[in-house]
N, C-alpha and C. Protein backbone atom coordinates (compact mmCIF):
# COMPACT_ATOMS: atom_id res chain seq x y z
N MET A 1 151.47 142.48 50.25
CA MET A 1 150.14 142.42 50.88
C MET A 1 149.27 143.59 50.46
N ASN A 2 148.02 143.33 50.49
CA ASN A 2 146.98 144.30 50.01
C ASN A 2 145.77 144.39 50.98
N ARG A 3 145.15 145.44 50.89
CA ARG A 3 143.92 145.60 51.75
C ARG A 3 142.94 144.38 51.41
N GLY A 4 142.40 143.79 52.39
CA GLY A 4 141.47 142.66 52.21
C GLY A 4 142.13 141.38 52.29
N ASP A 5 143.43 141.33 52.23
CA ASP A 5 144.12 139.91 52.27
C ASP A 5 143.82 139.33 53.67
N LYS A 6 143.87 138.02 53.63
CA LYS A 6 143.64 137.25 54.80
C LYS A 6 145.04 136.91 55.30
N VAL A 7 145.35 137.16 56.65
CA VAL A 7 146.55 136.85 57.25
C VAL A 7 146.41 136.19 58.63
N TYR A 8 147.58 135.60 59.04
CA TYR A 8 147.53 135.04 60.40
C TYR A 8 148.41 136.02 61.31
N TYR A 9 147.95 136.22 62.51
CA TYR A 9 148.67 137.02 63.47
C TYR A 9 148.39 136.44 64.85
N ASN A 10 149.45 136.06 65.58
CA ASN A 10 149.32 135.38 66.87
C ASN A 10 148.40 134.15 66.78
N GLY A 11 148.50 133.44 65.66
CA GLY A 11 147.84 132.17 65.55
C GLY A 11 146.35 132.20 65.21
N GLU A 12 145.88 133.51 64.92
CA GLU A 12 144.48 133.76 64.52
C GLU A 12 144.43 134.37 63.17
N GLU A 13 143.15 134.16 62.51
CA GLU A 13 142.99 134.69 61.14
C GLU A 13 142.50 136.08 61.22
N PHE A 14 142.97 137.00 60.52
CA PHE A 14 142.53 138.40 60.35
C PHE A 14 142.55 138.82 58.89
N GLU A 15 141.97 140.06 58.73
CA GLU A 15 141.82 140.60 57.44
C GLU A 15 142.57 142.00 57.43
N ILE A 16 143.36 142.25 56.43
CA ILE A 16 144.06 143.57 56.45
C ILE A 16 142.97 144.69 56.15
N TYR A 17 142.96 145.70 57.00
CA TYR A 17 141.99 146.72 56.92
C TYR A 17 142.63 147.94 56.26
N TYR A 18 143.87 148.23 56.68
CA TYR A 18 144.54 149.48 56.13
C TYR A 18 146.05 149.30 56.23
N ILE A 19 146.80 149.70 55.17
CA ILE A 19 148.26 149.55 55.32
C ILE A 19 148.90 150.94 55.27
N TYR A 20 149.82 151.15 56.23
CA TYR A 20 150.57 152.50 56.27
C TYR A 20 151.90 152.34 55.68
N GLU A 21 152.43 153.48 55.16
CA GLU A 21 153.69 153.49 54.50
C GLU A 21 154.83 153.24 55.60
N SER A 22 154.50 153.41 56.83
CA SER A 22 155.57 153.20 57.92
C SER A 22 155.92 151.76 58.13
N GLY A 23 155.08 150.86 57.54
CA GLY A 23 155.45 149.42 57.74
C GLY A 23 154.40 148.80 58.77
N TYR A 24 153.43 149.56 59.18
CA TYR A 24 152.40 149.01 60.07
C TYR A 24 151.04 148.90 59.28
N CYS A 25 150.21 148.12 59.82
CA CYS A 25 148.89 147.99 59.17
C CYS A 25 147.80 147.80 60.26
N GLU A 26 146.56 148.10 59.85
CA GLU A 26 145.46 147.74 60.77
C GLU A 26 144.87 146.40 60.30
N ILE A 27 144.58 145.61 61.25
CA ILE A 27 143.83 144.37 60.93
C ILE A 27 142.74 144.08 61.74
N LYS A 28 141.76 143.28 61.31
CA LYS A 28 140.49 143.08 62.06
C LYS A 28 140.11 141.62 61.75
N LYS A 29 139.29 141.02 62.63
CA LYS A 29 138.72 139.82 62.36
C LYS A 29 137.51 140.14 61.53
N GLN A 30 137.18 139.05 60.68
CA GLN A 30 136.02 139.18 59.78
C GLN A 30 134.81 139.37 60.56
N HIS A 31 133.91 140.25 60.10
CA HIS A 31 132.61 140.57 60.58
C HIS A 31 132.64 141.17 62.16
N ARG A 32 133.86 141.74 62.50
CA ARG A 32 134.05 142.38 63.75
C ARG A 32 134.68 143.80 63.42
N TRP A 33 134.58 144.68 64.36
CA TRP A 33 135.18 146.05 64.18
C TRP A 33 136.32 146.36 65.16
N ASN A 34 136.78 145.41 65.89
CA ASN A 34 137.82 145.66 66.75
C ASN A 34 139.17 145.71 65.81
N ILE A 35 139.86 146.69 65.78
CA ILE A 35 140.99 146.82 64.91
C ILE A 35 142.30 146.87 65.71
N LEU A 36 143.32 146.18 65.21
CA LEU A 36 144.66 146.18 65.88
C LEU A 36 145.64 146.76 64.95
N LEU A 37 146.57 147.58 65.47
CA LEU A 37 147.69 148.16 64.74
C LEU A 37 148.89 147.36 64.98
N VAL A 38 149.45 146.68 63.96
CA VAL A 38 150.52 145.73 64.03
C VAL A 38 151.60 146.02 62.94
N PRO A 39 152.89 145.65 63.20
CA PRO A 39 153.84 145.70 62.09
C PRO A 39 153.61 144.63 61.10
N LEU A 40 153.82 144.93 59.86
CA LEU A 40 153.70 143.98 58.68
C LEU A 40 154.62 142.83 58.84
N THR A 41 155.71 142.98 59.55
CA THR A 41 156.72 141.87 59.66
C THR A 41 156.17 140.75 60.56
N GLU A 42 155.06 140.99 61.39
CA GLU A 42 154.54 139.96 62.26
C GLU A 42 153.36 139.23 61.68
N LEU A 43 153.00 139.50 60.42
CA LEU A 43 151.91 138.82 59.64
C LEU A 43 152.37 137.75 58.84
N HIS A 44 151.60 136.76 58.62
CA HIS A 44 151.78 135.71 57.77
C HIS A 44 150.58 135.58 56.81
N ILE A 45 150.84 135.58 55.49
CA ILE A 45 149.74 135.58 54.50
C ILE A 45 149.18 134.19 54.45
N LEU A 46 147.83 134.22 54.53
CA LEU A 46 146.99 132.96 54.42
C LEU A 46 146.73 132.65 52.93
N HIS A 47 147.33 131.56 52.42
CA HIS A 47 147.08 131.24 51.04
C HIS A 47 145.94 130.29 50.95
N GLU A 48 144.91 130.67 50.27
CA GLU A 48 143.66 129.79 50.16
C GLU A 48 143.86 128.85 48.90
N LEU A 49 143.57 127.56 49.10
CA LEU A 49 143.64 126.65 47.94
C LEU A 49 142.37 126.79 47.12
N LYS A 50 142.56 126.92 45.84
CA LYS A 50 141.43 127.05 44.88
C LYS A 50 141.23 125.74 44.19
N THR A 51 140.02 125.16 44.18
CA THR A 51 139.76 123.90 43.46
C THR A 51 138.84 124.21 42.28
N PHE A 52 139.10 123.51 41.18
CA PHE A 52 138.26 123.80 39.97
C PHE A 52 137.32 122.59 39.78
């Protein structure tokens, strides 16, 4: 996972804002500044389909 990746947490879509070496990261909803500190193990990566 990298900063800026889209992820699911508790059934909602968030963006990774910062990743700590401790295994936690800060996530936020797009266009909002409320930031949550959560363990990386509780996140699911959102894979976007690309069409050509």
